[in-house]
Amino acid sequence: MSLKLISGMMKSSGEEALLVMDAGGTNQMVVIDRQALLEVGAPPHCDESRLQENIDLFSRIACAKYDRGDVERDGRIRIHAADLGA
């Protein structure tokens, strides 16, 4: 695994979650959108508990995207609902 999870948290807006991951001594930010959090479990909800229940899954998705260079122009990795099935 190319990235290692440092921490995960919901943004205060409740619309996104953030993962801070270690990329060989530098921090890599990962943004998880609301729809991905809603679709990862049932019943659908977007909160800290849903993030923590699925943090390993989101970390694996982030690592896969990082490894293939799927990083946004702003340097962040973004996880969308479509990434859940990839």
C-alpha atoms as a PDB file:
ATOM      1  CA  MET A   1       0.000   0.000   0.000  1.00  0.00           C
ATOM      2  CA  SER A   2       1.449   3.309  -1.081  1.00  0.00           C
ATOM      3  CA  LEU A   3      -0.438   5.472   1.421  1.00  0.00           C
ATOM      4  CA  LYS A   4      -0.973   5.039   5.156  1.00  0.00           C
ATOM      5  CA  LEU A   5      -3.956   6.443   6.999  1.00  0.00           C
ATOM      6  CA  ILE A   6      -3.157   9.125   9.567  1.00  0.00           C
ATOM      7  CA  SER A   7      -6.689  10.279  10.434  1.00  0.00           C
ATOM      8  CA  GLY A   8     -10.199  10.688   9.107  1.00  0.00           C
ATOM      9  CA  MET A   9     -12.886  13.223   9.948  1.00  0.00           C
ATOM     10  CA  MET A  10     -16.097  14.784   8.710  1.00  0.00           C
ATOM     11  CA  LYS A  11     -15.927  18.386   7.566  1.00  0.00           C
ATOM     12  CA  SER A  12     -17.971  20.712   9.766  1.00  0.00           C
ATOM     13  CA  SER A  13     -20.396  21.289   6.869  1.00  0.00           C
ATOM     14  CA  GLY A  14     -21.272  17.581   6.934  1.00  0.00           C
ATOM     15  CA  GLU A  15     -21.078  17.476   3.148  1.00  0.00           C
ATOM     16  CA  GLU A  16     -17.697  15.754   2.831  1.00  0.00           C
ATOM     17  CA  ALA A  17     -15.241  13.698   4.798  1.00  0.00           C
ATOM     18  CA  LEU A  18     -11.476  14.058   4.787  1.00  0.00           C
ATOM     19  CA  LEU A  19      -8.733  11.500   5.162  1.00  0.00           C
ATOM     20  CA  VAL A  20      -5.189  12.558   5.888  1.00  0.00           C
ATOM     21  CA  MET A  21      -2.793   9.934   4.587  1.00  0.00           C
ATOM     22  CA  ASP A  22       0.981   9.628   4.703  1.00  0.00           C
ATOM     23  CA  ALA A  23       2.652   9.453   1.304  1.00  0.00           C
ATOM     24  CA  GLY A  24       6.247   8.755   2.283  1.00  0.00           C
ATOM     25  CA  GLY A  25       6.673  11.672   4.639  1.00  0.00           C
ATOM     26  CA  THR A  26       4.204  14.097   3.063  1.00  0.00           C
ATOM     27  CA  ASN A  27       0.503  14.411   3.739  1.00  0.00           C
ATOM     28  CA  GLN A  28      -1.945  13.390   1.034  1.00  0.00           C
ATOM     29  CA  MET A  29      -5.460  14.774   1.440  1.00  0.00           C
ATOM     30  CA  VAL A  30      -8.411  12.639   0.375  1.00  0.00           C
ATOM     31  CA  VAL A  31     -11.912  14.097  -0.003  1.00  0.00           C
ATOM     32  CA  ILE A  32     -14.878  11.717   0.203  1.00  0.00           C
ATOM     33  CA  ASP A  33     -18.078  13.209  -1.171  1.00  0.00           C
ATOM     34  CA  ARG A  34     -21.473  12.986   0.492  1.00  0.00           C
ATOM     35  CA  GLN A  35     -22.931  10.593  -2.085  1.00  0.00           C
ATOM     36  CA  ALA A  36     -20.141   8.054  -1.509  1.00  0.00           C
ATOM     37  CA  LEU A  37     -20.851   8.123   2.229  1.00  0.00           C
ATOM     38  CA  LEU A  38     -24.579   7.721   1.610  1.00  0.00           C
ATOM     39  CA  GLU A  39     -24.138   4.772  -0.741  1.00  0.00           C
ATOM     40  CA  VAL A  40     -21.599   2.761   1.233  1.00  0.00           C
ATOM     41  CA  GLY A  41     -24.138   1.423   3.740  1.00  0.00           C
ATOM     42  CA  ALA A  42     -27.757   1.049   4.684  1.00  0.00           C
ATOM     43  CA  PRO A  43     -29.679   2.906   5.774  1.00  0.00           C
ATOM     44  CA  PRO A  44     -28.090   5.822   3.942  1.00  0.00           C
ATOM     45  CA  HIS A  45     -26.581   8.468   6.164  1.00  0.00           C
ATOM     46  CA  CYS A  46     -23.621  10.807   6.022  1.00  0.00           C
ATOM     47  CA  ASP A  47     -21.905  11.185   9.382  1.00  0.00           C
ATOM     48  CA  GLU A  48     -18.779  10.408  11.387  1.00  0.00           C
ATOM     49  CA  SER A  49     -19.933   6.894  12.283  1.00  0.00           C
ATOM     50  CA  ARG A  50     -20.476   5.956   8.623  1.00  0.00           C
ATOM     51  CA  LEU A  51     -17.003   7.251   7.812  1.00  0.00           C
ATOM     52  CA  GLN A  52     -15.366   5.308  10.638  1.00  0.00           C
ATOM     53  CA  GLU A  53     -17.261   2.095   9.776  1.00  0.00           C
ATOM     54  CA  ASN A  54     -15.871   2.246   6.242  1.00  0.00           C
ATOM     55  CA  ILE A  55     -12.526   3.963   6.705  1.00  0.00           C
ATOM     56  CA  ASP A  56     -10.569   0.891   5.540  1.00  0.00           C
ATOM     57  CA  LEU A  57     -12.581   0.757   2.306  1.00  0.00           C
ATOM     58  CA  PHE A  58     -12.050   4.463   1.631  1.00  0.00           C
ATOM     59  CA  SER A  59      -8.345   4.102   2.426  1.00  0.00           C
ATOM     60  CA  ARG A  60      -7.997   1.243  -0.092  1.00  0.00           C
ATOM     61  CA  ILE A  61      -9.805   3.255  -2.770  1.00  0.00           C
ATOM     62  CA  ALA A  62      -7.543   6.252  -2.075  1.00  0.00           C
ATOM     63  CA  CYS A  63      -4.435   4.059  -2.353  1.00  0.00           C
ATOM     64  CA  ALA A  64      -5.578   2.606  -5.672  1.00  0.00           C
ATOM     65  CA  LYS A  65      -6.302   6.065  -7.073  1.00  0.00           C
ATOM     66  CA  TYR A  66      -2.948   7.381  -5.830  1.00  0.00           C
ATOM     67  CA  ASP A  67      -1.061   4.436  -7.330  1.00  0.00           C
ATOM     68  CA  ARG A  68      -2.556   5.029 -10.769  1.00  0.00           C
ATOM     69  CA  GLY A  69      -2.001   8.794 -10.558  1.00  0.00           C
ATOM     70  CA  ASP A  70      -5.670   9.685 -10.238  1.00  0.00           C
ATOM     71  CA  VAL A  71      -5.020  12.921  -8.338  1.00  0.00           C
ATOM     72  CA  GLU A  72      -6.894  16.192  -8.901  1.00  0.00           C
ATOM     73  CA  ARG A  73      -5.163  19.362 -10.095  1.00  0.00           C
ATOM     74  CA  ASP A  74      -5.276  20.695  -6.529  1.00  0.00           C
ATOM     75  CA  GLY A  75      -3.267  17.662  -5.363  1.00  0.00           C
ATOM     76  CA  ARG A  76      -6.162  15.966  -3.587  1.00  0.00           C
ATOM     77  CA  ILE A  77      -7.655  12.579  -4.230  1.00  0.00           C
ATOM     78  CA  ARG A  78     -11.442  12.668  -4.510  1.00  0.00           C
ATOM     79  CA  ILE A  79     -13.649   9.667  -3.841  1.00  0.00           C
ATOM     80  CA  HIS A  80     -17.086   9.653  -5.431  1.00  0.00           C
ATOM     81  CA  ALA A  81     -19.905   7.093  -5.276  1.00  0.00           C
ATOM     82  CA  ALA A  82     -18.796   5.755  -8.678  1.00  0.00           C
ATOM     83  CA  ASP A  83     -15.464   4.751  -7.106  1.00  0.00           C
ATOM     84  CA  LEU A  84     -17.165   2.309  -4.733  1.00  0.00           C
ATOM     85  CA  GLY A  85     -17.671  -0.272  -7.464  1.00  0.00           C
ATOM     86  CA  ALA A  86     -14.314   0.229  -9.171  1.00  0.00           C
END
